[in-house]
């Protein structure tokens, strides 16, 4: 809905603002991690006002309507919380902190592991649980799979950076730029709320980043689309071939070839090579193969990791 608000073709109607406020209110009733939608909605109003050169009063009126509708939904719930937890704790956070008194604290881990150990565990566990770590964090995937997923994540990030810096790609319309700004704001706020929570409690769980799945998925899609373009795919295939060589050398040094990430590197190199040699159909075949790979990963996660472990 907020992306629609930034569309030049969208009509500036009161119904859209009511719908936006209604959805913001529903999101705020679910969980505090969803509160990022409120500033994102207000930024959307501000972006449209700037692009249409509306006066500040216009933007304030639009934002007030969104806030009013959201408040009508959230207000009764907050009033109930005040009655239960008191005026100083309308979200029940202090009560929550008391319930999880035995949960590991960040200060304790910092004293135990130091900054390097704490940050390393934060990144590793967050990454693994974002892709798949189930059963109250007790059922991880096969460890080499995380290396393959790290390769895909790095590839998507390189592609996104390449797309953003490519001066030869078609220019974005102002409404498209505003849409990307909203997605970036949503991602940054989600990340900030995750880090803020982990300043107190050790909650290195990737699920807290799921509110940003849409912008993250869009970023990965833009990166892959750029990498699969005919003028880039050949270089991407060559780079992945180089990664495969490095993995082989690493395996020889360790006397243990990393077969899963090596297979992922060679497979991706083959797909990008196919896209380079057969620009149209090769690109679609590469995308179909990637989609089939995600389906296979999902089936493995369910029948190869979750069911066997929880059935013990």
C-alpha atoms as a PDB file:
ATOM      1  CA  UNK A   1       0.000   0.000   0.000  1.00  0.00           C
ATOM      2  CA  UNK A   2       2.809   2.448   0.834  1.00  0.00           C
ATOM      3  CA  UNK A   3       4.517   1.663  -2.481  1.00  0.00           C
ATOM      4  CA  UNK A   4       1.211   2.363  -4.205  1.00  0.00           C
ATOM      5  CA  UNK A   5       1.066   5.749  -2.494  1.00  0.00           C
ATOM      6  CA  UNK A   6       4.310   6.755  -4.207  1.00  0.00           C
ATOM      7  CA  UNK A   7       3.036   5.747  -7.650  1.00  0.00           C
ATOM      8  CA  UNK A   8       2.529   8.693  -9.970  1.00  0.00           C
ATOM      9  CA  UNK A   9      -0.543   6.993 -11.472  1.00  0.00           C
ATOM     10  CA  UNK A  10      -2.233   6.432  -8.113  1.00  0.00           C
ATOM     11  CA  UNK A  11      -5.071   8.718  -7.187  1.00  0.00           C
ATOM     12  CA  UNK A  12      -4.644  10.709  -4.000  1.00  0.00           C
ATOM     13  CA  UNK A  13      -7.824   9.489  -2.313  1.00  0.00           C
ATOM     14  CA  UNK A  14      -8.919   9.445   1.285  1.00  0.00           C
ATOM     15  CA  UNK A  15      -9.730   5.752   0.948  1.00  0.00           C
ATOM     16  CA  UNK A  16      -6.063   4.955   0.372  1.00  0.00           C
ATOM     17  CA  UNK A  17      -5.110   6.792   3.552  1.00  0.00           C
ATOM     18  CA  UNK A  18      -7.833   5.014   5.511  1.00  0.00           C
ATOM     19  CA  UNK A  19      -6.623   1.676   4.157  1.00  0.00           C
ATOM     20  CA  UNK A  20      -3.038   2.550   5.038  1.00  0.00           C
ATOM     21  CA  UNK A  21      -3.982   3.545   8.584  1.00  0.00           C
ATOM     22  CA  UNK A  22      -6.076   0.393   8.961  1.00  0.00           C
ATOM     23  CA  UNK A  23      -3.185  -1.841   7.884  1.00  0.00           C
ATOM     24  CA  UNK A  24      -0.734   0.020  10.120  1.00  0.00           C
ATOM     25  CA  UNK A  25      -3.086  -0.489  13.057  1.00  0.00           C
ATOM     26  CA  UNK A  26      -3.454  -4.198  12.322  1.00  0.00           C
ATOM     27  CA  UNK A  27       0.320  -4.572  12.095  1.00  0.00           C
ATOM     28  CA  UNK A  28       0.813  -2.813  15.429  1.00  0.00           C
ATOM     29  CA  UNK A  29      -1.648  -5.223  17.042  1.00  0.00           C
ATOM     30  CA  UNK A  30       0.481  -8.222  16.066  1.00  0.00           C
ATOM     31  CA  UNK A  31       3.950  -7.688  17.543  1.00  0.00           C
ATOM     32  CA  UNK A  32       6.338  -4.881  18.400  1.00  0.00           C
ATOM     33  CA  UNK A  33       8.670  -5.951  15.574  1.00  0.00           C
ATOM     34  CA  UNK A  34       5.941  -4.803  13.171  1.00  0.00           C
ATOM     35  CA  UNK A  35       6.024  -1.236  14.499  1.00  0.00           C
ATOM     36  CA  UNK A  36       8.440  -0.311  11.711  1.00  0.00           C
ATOM     37  CA  UNK A  37       5.417   0.033   9.426  1.00  0.00           C
ATOM     38  CA  UNK A  38       4.374   3.240  11.199  1.00  0.00           C
ATOM     39  CA  UNK A  39       7.443   5.360  10.319  1.00  0.00           C
ATOM     40  CA  UNK A  40       7.513   3.765   6.863  1.00  0.00           C
ATOM     41  CA  UNK A  41       3.922   4.912   6.276  1.00  0.00           C
ATOM     42  CA  UNK A  42       4.756   8.439   7.433  1.00  0.00           C
ATOM     43  CA  UNK A  43       7.826   8.521   5.184  1.00  0.00           C
ATOM     44  CA  UNK A  44       5.583   7.495   2.275  1.00  0.00           C
ATOM     45  CA  UNK A  45       3.309  10.459   2.958  1.00  0.00           C
ATOM     46  CA  UNK A  46       6.320  12.772   3.124  1.00  0.00           C
ATOM     47  CA  UNK A  47       7.798  11.461  -0.124  1.00  0.00           C
ATOM     48  CA  UNK A  48       4.565  12.013  -1.985  1.00  0.00           C
ATOM     49  CA  UNK A  49       4.212  15.511  -0.567  1.00  0.00           C
ATOM     50  CA  UNK A  50       7.753  16.348  -1.667  1.00  0.00           C
ATOM     51  CA  UNK A  51       7.308  14.995  -5.168  1.00  0.00           C
ATOM     52  CA  UNK A  52       3.975  16.772  -5.660  1.00  0.00           C
ATOM     53  CA  UNK A  53       5.344  19.931  -3.997  1.00  0.00           C
ATOM     54  CA  UNK A  54       2.530  20.003  -1.486  1.00  0.00           C
ATOM     55  CA  UNK A  55       2.662  22.391   1.501  1.00  0.00           C
ATOM     56  CA  UNK A  56       3.602  21.060   4.952  1.00  0.00           C
ATOM     57  CA  UNK A  57       0.004  21.391   6.091  1.00  0.00           C
ATOM     58  CA  UNK A  58      -1.119  18.958   3.392  1.00  0.00           C
ATOM     59  CA  UNK A  59       1.415  16.353   4.503  1.00  0.00           C
ATOM     60  CA  UNK A  60       0.472  16.876   8.156  1.00  0.00           C
ATOM     61  CA  UNK A  61      -3.216  16.348   7.374  1.00  0.00           C
ATOM     62  CA  UNK A  62      -2.485  13.167   5.421  1.00  0.00           C
ATOM     63  CA  UNK A  63      -0.239  11.800   8.177  1.00  0.00           C
ATOM     64  CA  UNK A  64      -2.799  12.704  10.847  1.00  0.00           C
ATOM     65  CA  UNK A  65      -5.485  10.686   9.088  1.00  0.00           C
ATOM     66  CA  UNK A  66      -3.210   7.639   8.930  1.00  0.00           C
ATOM     67  CA  UNK A  67      -2.338   8.012  12.612  1.00  0.00           C
ATOM     68  CA  UNK A  68      -5.976   8.525  13.601  1.00  0.00           C
ATOM     69  CA  UNK A  69      -7.186   5.351  11.897  1.00  0.00           C
ATOM     70  CA  UNK A  70      -4.291   3.351  13.349  1.00  0.00           C
ATOM     71  CA  UNK A  71      -4.973   4.786  16.816  1.00  0.00           C
ATOM     72  CA  UNK A  72      -8.638   3.758  16.635  1.00  0.00           C
ATOM     73  CA  UNK A  73      -7.508   0.163  16.235  1.00  0.00           C
ATOM     74  CA  UNK A  74      -4.562   0.185  18.633  1.00  0.00           C
ATOM     75  CA  UNK A  75      -6.084   2.435  21.303  1.00  0.00           C
ATOM     76  CA  UNK A  76      -8.342  -0.157  22.997  1.00  0.00           C
ATOM     77  CA  UNK A  77      -5.473  -2.635  23.163  1.00  0.00           C
ATOM     78  CA  UNK A  78      -3.128  -0.055  24.706  1.00  0.00           C
ATOM     79  CA  UNK A  79      -5.843   0.917  27.199  1.00  0.00           C
ATOM     80  CA  UNK A  80      -6.185  -2.723  28.192  1.00  0.00           C
ATOM     81  CA  UNK A  81      -2.401  -2.990  28.637  1.00  0.00           C
ATOM     82  CA  UNK A  82      -2.341   0.110  30.829  1.00  0.00           C
ATOM     83  CA  UNK A  83      -5.062  -1.421  32.990  1.00  0.00           C
ATOM     84  CA  UNK A  84      -3.061  -4.652  33.318  1.00  0.00           C
ATOM     85  CA  UNK A  85       0.559  -3.465  33.437  1.00  0.00           C
ATOM     86  CA  UNK A  86       0.228   0.166  34.526  1.00  0.00           C
ATOM     87  CA  UNK A  87       0.812   3.534  32.878  1.00  0.00           C
ATOM     88  CA  UNK A  88       4.573   3.076  32.706  1.00  0.00           C
ATOM     89  CA  UNK A  89       4.363  -0.150  30.689  1.00  0.00           C
ATOM     90  CA  UNK A  90       1.706   0.156  27.948  1.00  0.00           C
ATOM     91  CA  UNK A  91       3.433  -2.465  25.776  1.00  0.00           C
ATOM     92  CA  UNK A  92       4.089  -4.938  28.574  1.00  0.00           C
ATOM     93  CA  UNK A  93       7.833  -4.859  27.926  1.00  0.00           C
ATOM     94  CA  UNK A  94       8.805  -4.557  31.589  1.00  0.00           C
ATOM     95  CA  UNK A  95       6.598  -7.525  32.388  1.00  0.00           C
ATOM     96  CA  UNK A  96       8.211  -9.439  29.525  1.00  0.00           C
ATOM     97  CA  UNK A  97      11.671  -8.692  30.900  1.00  0.00           C
ATOM     98  CA  UNK A  98      10.623 -10.134  34.230  1.00  0.00           C
ATOM     99  CA  UNK A  99       9.282 -13.329  32.658  1.00  0.00           C
ATOM    100  CA  UNK A 100      12.502 -13.985  30.712  1.00  0.00           C
ATOM    101  CA  UNK A 101      14.757 -13.280  33.685  1.00  0.00           C
ATOM    102  CA  UNK A 102      16.734 -16.478  33.040  1.00  0.00           C
ATOM    103  CA  UNK A 103      17.422 -15.673  29.399  1.00  0.00           C
ATOM    104  CA  UNK A 104      21.080 -14.984  28.484  1.00  0.00           C
ATOM    105  CA  UNK A 105      21.972 -11.303  28.610  1.00  0.00           C
ATOM    106  CA  UNK A 106      24.238  -9.575  26.145  1.00  0.00           C
ATOM    107  CA  UNK A 107      26.368  -8.118  28.938  1.00  0.00           C
ATOM    108  CA  UNK A 108      27.013 -11.626  30.267  1.00  0.00           C
ATOM    109  CA  UNK A 109      28.059 -12.930  26.853  1.00  0.00           C
ATOM    110  CA  UNK A 110      30.261  -9.895  26.300  1.00  0.00           C
ATOM    111  CA  UNK A 111      32.090 -10.616  29.545  1.00  0.00           C
ATOM    112  CA  UNK A 112      32.353 -14.313  28.687  1.00  0.00           C
ATOM    113  CA  UNK A 113      33.286 -14.223  24.984  1.00  0.00           C
ATOM    114  CA  UNK A 114      34.540 -10.681  24.381  1.00  0.00           C
ATOM    115  CA  UNK A 115      33.535  -8.437  21.487  1.00  0.00           C
ATOM    116  CA  UNK A 116      34.932 -10.710  18.778  1.00  0.00           C
ATOM    117  CA  UNK A 117      33.209 -13.789  20.152  1.00  0.00           C
ATOM    118  CA  UNK A 118      29.904 -11.989  20.679  1.00  0.00           C
ATOM    119  CA  UNK A 119      29.815 -10.412  17.219  1.00  0.00           C
ATOM    120  CA  UNK A 120      30.904 -13.673  15.589  1.00  0.00           C
ATOM    121  CA  UNK A 121      28.096 -15.587  17.269  1.00  0.00           C
ATOM    122  CA  UNK A 122      25.644 -12.825  16.377  1.00  0.00           C
ATOM    123  CA  UNK A 123      26.453 -12.990  12.666  1.00  0.00           C
ATOM    124  CA  UNK A 124      26.752 -16.773  12.441  1.00  0.00           C
ATOM    125  CA  UNK A 125      23.599 -17.667  14.360  1.00  0.00           C
ATOM    126  CA  UNK A 126      21.560 -14.887  12.753  1.00  0.00           C
ATOM    127  CA  UNK A 127      22.578 -16.018   9.272  1.00  0.00           C
ATOM    128  CA  UNK A 128      21.936 -19.691   9.947  1.00  0.00           C
ATOM    129  CA  UNK A 129      18.577 -19.146  11.625  1.00  0.00           C
ATOM    130  CA  UNK A 130      17.497 -16.732   8.886  1.00  0.00           C
ATOM    131  CA  UNK A 131      17.870 -19.482   6.303  1.00  0.00           C
ATOM    132  CA  UNK A 132      16.862 -22.405   8.484  1.00  0.00           C
ATOM    133  CA  UNK A 133      17.349 -23.468  12.094  1.00  0.00           C
ATOM    134  CA  UNK A 134      14.301 -25.091  13.599  1.00  0.00           C
ATOM    135  CA  UNK A 135      12.958 -26.721  16.759  1.00  0.00           C
ATOM    136  CA  UNK A 136      13.714 -23.868  19.174  1.00  0.00           C
ATOM    137  CA  UNK A 137      17.093 -23.408  17.449  1.00  0.00           C
ATOM    138  CA  UNK A 138      18.051 -27.059  18.092  1.00  0.00           C
ATOM    139  CA  UNK A 139      17.602 -28.374  14.526  1.00  0.00           C
ATOM    140  CA  UNK A 140      20.115 -26.785  12.136  1.00  0.00           C
ATOM    141  CA  UNK A 141      20.612 -27.715   8.520  1.00  0.00           C
ATOM    142  CA  UNK A 142      23.618 -29.717   7.325  1.00  0.00           C
ATOM    143  CA  UNK A 143      26.528 -27.320   8.094  1.00  0.00           C
ATOM    144  CA  UNK A 144      27.995 -27.243   4.543  1.00  0.00           C
ATOM    145  CA  UNK A 145      24.632 -25.993   3.274  1.00  0.00           C
ATOM    146  CA  UNK A 146      25.190 -22.733   5.124  1.00  0.00           C
ATOM    147  CA  UNK A 147      28.400 -22.186   3.153  1.00  0.00           C
ATOM    148  CA  UNK A 148      26.464 -22.664  -0.086  1.00  0.00           C
ATOM    149  CA  UNK A 149      23.799 -20.235   1.128  1.00  0.00           C
ATOM    150  CA  UNK A 150      26.514 -17.756   2.105  1.00  0.00           C
ATOM    151  CA  UNK A 151      27.857 -17.996  -1.455  1.00  0.00           C
ATOM    152  CA  UNK A 152      24.401 -17.284  -2.880  1.00  0.00           C
ATOM    153  CA  UNK A 153      23.880 -14.389  -0.450  1.00  0.00           C
ATOM    154  CA  UNK A 154      27.228 -12.843  -1.357  1.00  0.00           C
ATOM    155  CA  UNK A 155      26.448 -13.297  -5.047  1.00  0.00           C
ATOM    156  CA  UNK A 156      23.090 -11.543  -4.658  1.00  0.00           C
ATOM    157  CA  UNK A 157      24.729  -8.682  -2.759  1.00  0.00           C
ATOM    158  CA  UNK A 158      27.405  -8.250  -5.432  1.00  0.00           C
ATOM    159  CA  UNK A 159      24.684  -8.235  -8.074  1.00  0.00           C
ATOM    160  CA  UNK A 160      22.650  -5.627  -6.195  1.00  0.00           C
ATOM    161  CA  UNK A 161      25.705  -3.386  -5.844  1.00  0.00           C
ATOM    162  CA  UNK A 162      26.452  -3.850  -9.531  1.00  0.00           C
ATOM    163  CA  UNK A 163      22.878  -2.975 -10.467  1.00  0.00           C
ATOM    164  CA  UNK A 164      22.868   0.142  -8.285  1.00  0.00           C
ATOM    165  CA  UNK A 165      26.173   1.393  -9.756  1.00  0.00           C
ATOM    166  CA  UNK A 166      25.421   0.469 -13.374  1.00  0.00           C
ATOM    167  CA  UNK A 167      25.042   3.676 -15.372  1.00  0.00           C
ATOM    168  CA  UNK A 168      23.833   1.792 -18.440  1.00  0.00           C
ATOM    169  CA  UNK A 169      20.654   0.444 -16.884  1.00  0.00           C
ATOM    170  CA  UNK A 170      17.369   2.278 -17.576  1.00  0.00           C
ATOM    171  CA  UNK A 171      16.782   5.253 -15.303  1.00  0.00           C
ATOM    172  CA  UNK A 172      14.184   4.829 -12.610  1.00  0.00           C
ATOM    173  CA  UNK A 173      11.083   6.986 -12.493  1.00  0.00           C
ATOM    174  CA  UNK A 174      10.749   9.275  -9.444  1.00  0.00           C
ATOM    175  CA  UNK A 175       8.010   7.058  -8.026  1.00  0.00           C
ATOM    176  CA  UNK A 176      10.287   4.016  -8.381  1.00  0.00           C
ATOM    177  CA  UNK A 177      13.064   5.822  -6.539  1.00  0.00           C
ATOM    178  CA  UNK A 178      10.628   6.670  -3.747  1.00  0.00           C
ATOM    179  CA  UNK A 179       9.563   3.026  -3.611  1.00  0.00           C
ATOM    180  CA  UNK A 180      13.167   1.926  -3.173  1.00  0.00           C
ATOM    181  CA  UNK A 181      13.608   4.542  -0.447  1.00  0.00           C
ATOM    182  CA  UNK A 182      10.641   3.086   1.433  1.00  0.00           C
ATOM    183  CA  UNK A 183      12.005  -0.439   1.112  1.00  0.00           C
ATOM    184  CA  UNK A 184      15.410   0.721   2.333  1.00  0.00           C
ATOM    185  CA  UNK A 185      13.840   2.531   5.302  1.00  0.00           C
ATOM    186  CA  UNK A 186      11.879  -0.599   6.188  1.00  0.00           C
ATOM    187  CA  UNK A 187      15.035  -2.727   6.042  1.00  0.00           C
ATOM    188  CA  UNK A 188      17.132  -0.339   8.119  1.00  0.00           C
ATOM    189  CA  UNK A 189      14.447   0.061  10.783  1.00  0.00           C
ATOM    190  CA  UNK A 190      13.990  -3.706  11.013  1.00  0.00           C
ATOM    191  CA  UNK A 191      17.741  -4.178  11.391  1.00  0.00           C
ATOM    192  CA  UNK A 192      17.943  -1.378  13.966  1.00  0.00           C
ATOM    193  CA  UNK A 193      15.138  -2.880  16.071  1.00  0.00           C
ATOM    194  CA  UNK A 194      16.863  -6.267  15.941  1.00  0.00           C
ATOM    195  CA  UNK A 195      20.187  -4.852  17.095  1.00  0.00           C
ATOM    196  CA  UNK A 196      18.469  -2.751  19.769  1.00  0.00           C
ATOM    197  CA  UNK A 197      16.784  -5.830  21.242  1.00  0.00           C
ATOM    198  CA  UNK A 198      20.090  -7.697  21.212  1.00  0.00           C
ATOM    199  CA  UNK A 199      21.738  -4.952  23.223  1.00  0.00           C
ATOM    200  CA  UNK A 200      19.929  -6.390  26.241  1.00  0.00           C
ATOM    201  CA  UNK A 201      19.023 -10.004  25.459  1.00  0.00           C
ATOM    202  CA  UNK A 202      20.853 -12.632  23.419  1.00  0.00           C
ATOM    203  CA  UNK A 203      18.318 -13.244  20.668  1.00  0.00           C
ATOM    204  CA  UNK A 204      20.430 -14.069  17.620  1.00  0.00           C
ATOM    205  CA  UNK A 205      17.458 -15.290  15.612  1.00  0.00           C
ATOM    206  CA  UNK A 206      17.003 -14.444  11.962  1.00  0.00           C
ATOM    207  CA  UNK A 207      13.221 -14.543  12.286  1.00  0.00           C
ATOM    208  CA  UNK A 208      13.358 -11.034  13.705  1.00  0.00           C
ATOM    209  CA  UNK A 209      14.508  -9.884  10.261  1.00  0.00           C
ATOM    210  CA  UNK A 210      11.511 -11.439   8.509  1.00  0.00           C
ATOM    211  CA  UNK A 211       9.552  -8.126   8.476  1.00  0.00           C
ATOM    212  CA  UNK A 212      12.159  -7.056   5.900  1.00  0.00           C
ATOM    213  CA  UNK A 213      11.700 -10.124   3.676  1.00  0.00           C
ATOM    214  CA  UNK A 214      10.055  -8.138   0.877  1.00  0.00           C
ATOM    215  CA  UNK A 215      12.886  -5.609   0.418  1.00  0.00           C
ATOM    216  CA  UNK A 216      15.522  -8.318   0.930  1.00  0.00           C
ATOM    217  CA  UNK A 217      13.893 -10.546  -1.686  1.00  0.00           C
ATOM    218  CA  UNK A 218      13.558  -7.636  -4.096  1.00  0.00           C
ATOM    219  CA  UNK A 219      17.225  -6.772  -3.616  1.00  0.00           C
ATOM    220  CA  UNK A 220      18.225 -10.368  -4.345  1.00  0.00           C
ATOM    221  CA  UNK A 221      15.991 -10.421  -7.434  1.00  0.00           C
ATOM    222  CA  UNK A 222      17.480  -7.188  -8.782  1.00  0.00           C
ATOM    223  CA  UNK A 223      20.975  -8.526  -8.172  1.00  0.00           C
ATOM    224  CA  UNK A 224      20.287 -11.821  -9.936  1.00  0.00           C
ATOM    225  CA  UNK A 225      18.581 -10.072 -12.843  1.00  0.00           C
ATOM    226  CA  UNK A 226      21.637  -7.872 -13.340  1.00  0.00           C
ATOM    227  CA  UNK A 227      24.041 -10.810 -13.088  1.00  0.00           C
ATOM    228  CA  UNK A 228      22.018 -12.831 -15.608  1.00  0.00           C
ATOM    229  CA  UNK A 229      22.107 -10.060 -18.217  1.00  0.00           C
ATOM    230  CA  UNK A 230      24.157 -11.112 -21.276  1.00  0.00           C
ATOM    231  CA  UNK A 231      26.907  -8.537 -20.738  1.00  0.00           C
ATOM    232  CA  UNK A 232      27.446  -9.562 -17.097  1.00  0.00           C
ATOM    233  CA  UNK A 233      26.654 -13.293 -17.017  1.00  0.00           C
ATOM    234  CA  UNK A 234      29.949 -14.320 -18.619  1.00  0.00           C
ATOM    235  CA  UNK A 235      31.954 -12.443 -15.974  1.00  0.00           C
ATOM    236  CA  UNK A 236      29.749 -13.859 -13.219  1.00  0.00           C
ATOM    237  CA  UNK A 237      30.384 -17.387 -14.498  1.00  0.00           C
ATOM    238  CA  UNK A 238      34.122 -16.728 -14.557  1.00  0.00           C
ATOM    239  CA  UNK A 239      34.064 -15.305 -11.039  1.00  0.00           C
ATOM    240  CA  UNK A 240      32.183 -18.332  -9.727  1.00  0.00           C
ATOM    241  CA  UNK A 241      34.678 -20.574 -11.475  1.00  0.00           C
ATOM    242  CA  UNK A 242      37.414 -18.750  -9.590  1.00  0.00           C
ATOM    243  CA  UNK A 243      35.517 -19.301  -6.333  1.00  0.00           C
ATOM    244  CA  UNK A 244      35.344 -23.021  -7.150  1.00  0.00           C
ATOM    245  CA  UNK A 245      39.126 -23.122  -7.632  1.00  0.00           C
ATOM    246  CA  UNK A 246      39.644 -21.395  -4.277  1.00  0.00           C
ATOM    247  CA  UNK A 247      37.317 -23.885  -2.598  1.00  0.00           C
ATOM    248  CA  UNK A 248      39.309 -26.777  -4.066  1.00  0.00           C
ATOM    249  CA  UNK A 249      42.577 -25.271  -2.821  1.00  0.00           C
ATOM    250  CA  UNK A 250      41.035 -24.675   0.599  1.00  0.00           C
ATOM    251  CA  UNK A 251      39.849 -28.283   0.682  1.00  0.00           C
ATOM    252  CA  UNK A 252      43.278 -29.599  -0.282  1.00  0.00           C
ATOM    253  CA  UNK A 253      44.888 -27.614   2.524  1.00  0.00           C
ATOM    254  CA  UNK A 254      42.320 -28.945   4.998  1.00  0.00           C
ATOM    255  CA  UNK A 255      42.334 -32.415   3.362  1.00  0.00           C
ATOM    256  CA  UNK A 256      38.559 -32.206   3.193  1.00  0.00           C
ATOM    257  CA  UNK A 257      36.918 -30.928   0.021  1.00  0.00           C
ATOM    258  CA  UNK A 258      33.846 -28.744   0.737  1.00  0.00           C
ATOM    259  CA  UNK A 259      31.664 -30.678  -1.688  1.00  0.00           C
ATOM    260  CA  UNK A 260      28.370 -28.850  -1.073  1.00  0.00           C
ATOM    261  CA  UNK A 261      29.633 -25.255  -1.529  1.00  0.00           C
ATOM    262  CA  UNK A 262      31.897 -26.464  -4.351  1.00  0.00           C
ATOM    263  CA  UNK A 263      28.910 -28.018  -6.095  1.00  0.00           C
ATOM    264  CA  UNK A 264      26.938 -24.802  -5.548  1.00  0.00           C
ATOM    265  CA  UNK A 265      29.733 -22.689  -7.055  1.00  0.00           C
ATOM    266  CA  UNK A 266      30.091 -24.954 -10.095  1.00  0.00           C
ATOM    267  CA  UNK A 267      26.328 -25.211 -10.545  1.00  0.00           C
ATOM    268  CA  UNK A 268      25.864 -21.438 -10.393  1.00  0.00           C
ATOM    269  CA  UNK A 269      28.803 -20.965 -12.760  1.00  0.00           C
ATOM    270  CA  UNK A 270      27.119 -23.322 -15.201  1.00  0.00           C
ATOM    271  CA  UNK A 271      23.808 -21.468 -14.956  1.00  0.00           C
ATOM    272  CA  UNK A 272      25.417 -18.091 -15.578  1.00  0.00           C
ATOM    273  CA  UNK A 273      27.433 -19.580 -18.415  1.00  0.00           C
ATOM    274  CA  UNK A 274      24.192 -20.864 -19.925  1.00  0.00           C
ATOM    275  CA  UNK A 275      22.672 -17.386 -19.630  1.00  0.00           C
ATOM    276  CA  UNK A 276      25.743 -15.896 -21.323  1.00  0.00           C
ATOM    277  CA  UNK A 277      25.728 -18.334 -24.253  1.00  0.00           C
ATOM    278  CA  UNK A 278      21.953 -18.450 -24.775  1.00  0.00           C
ATOM    279  CA  UNK A 279      20.812 -15.019 -23.701  1.00  0.00           C
ATOM    280  CA  UNK A 280      17.008 -15.414 -23.750  1.00  0.00           C
ATOM    281  CA  UNK A 281      16.138 -19.024 -23.006  1.00  0.00           C
ATOM    282  CA  UNK A 282      19.320 -19.590 -21.036  1.00  0.00           C
ATOM    283  CA  UNK A 283      18.303 -16.883 -18.604  1.00  0.00           C
ATOM    284  CA  UNK A 284      14.884 -18.401 -18.052  1.00  0.00           C
ATOM    285  CA  UNK A 285      16.350 -21.889 -17.663  1.00  0.00           C
ATOM    286  CA  UNK A 286      18.784 -20.531 -15.079  1.00  0.00           C
ATOM    287  CA  UNK A 287      15.937 -18.930 -13.113  1.00  0.00           C
ATOM    288  CA  UNK A 288      13.900 -22.148 -13.327  1.00  0.00           C
ATOM    289  CA  UNK A 289      16.874 -24.142 -12.040  1.00  0.00           C
ATOM    290  CA  UNK A 290      17.306 -21.718  -9.122  1.00  0.00           C
ATOM    291  CA  UNK A 291      13.609 -22.041  -8.259  1.00  0.00           C
ATOM    292  CA  UNK A 292      13.904 -25.841  -8.366  1.00  0.00           C
ATOM    293  CA  UNK A 293      16.903 -25.579  -6.057  1.00  0.00           C
ATOM    294  CA  UNK A 294      14.874 -23.635  -3.491  1.00  0.00           C
ATOM    295  CA  UNK A 295      12.127 -26.263  -3.640  1.00  0.00           C
ATOM    296  CA  UNK A 296      14.725 -28.986  -3.078  1.00  0.00           C
ATOM    297  CA  UNK A 297      16.136 -27.057  -0.110  1.00  0.00           C
ATOM    298  CA  UNK A 298      12.658 -26.734   1.407  1.00  0.00           C
ATOM    299  CA  UNK A 299      12.007 -30.466   1.010  1.00  0.00           C
ATOM    300  CA  UNK A 300      15.365 -31.306   2.561  1.00  0.00           C
ATOM    301  CA  UNK A 301      14.727 -28.949   5.488  1.00  0.00           C
ATOM    302  CA  UNK A 302      11.417 -30.669   6.206  1.00  0.00           C
ATOM    303  CA  UNK A 303      12.204 -34.336   5.535  1.00  0.00           C
ATOM    304  CA  UNK A 304      15.975 -34.325   5.973  1.00  0.00           C
ATOM    305  CA  UNK A 305      16.331 -32.164   9.080  1.00  0.00           C
ATOM    306  CA  UNK A 306      13.094 -31.325  10.901  1.00  0.00           C
ATOM    307  CA  UNK A 307      11.113 -34.582  10.772  1.00  0.00           C
ATOM    308  CA  UNK A 308      14.018 -36.979  11.541  1.00  0.00           C
ATOM    309  CA  UNK A 309      15.260 -34.852  14.447  1.00  0.00           C
ATOM    310  CA  UNK A 310      11.899 -34.177  16.074  1.00  0.00           C
ATOM    311  CA  UNK A 311      10.816 -37.804  15.605  1.00  0.00           C
ATOM    312  CA  UNK A 312      13.591 -39.067  17.889  1.00  0.00           C
END
